[in-house]
Amino acid sequence: MSALLVTGGAGFIGSNFVRHWLAQHPGERLVNLDALTYAGNLESLADIEANP
């Protein structure tokens, strides 16, 4: 099983990409790496937090 590494996934564009990718690739693994600086916001990913 392969995995996709997303950097900056807690930002505006990154969080939308993460949501889109997970919807298009159910069952695939995605790893989100973000420095959580001024642009990162974990609340933008709260709706998919339970996604393993």
Foldseek 3Di string as FASTA:
>chain_A
DDEAEAEPLQADVNVVVVVVVCVVDPPHHYHYHYPPDPRGDCVSNVVCVPPD
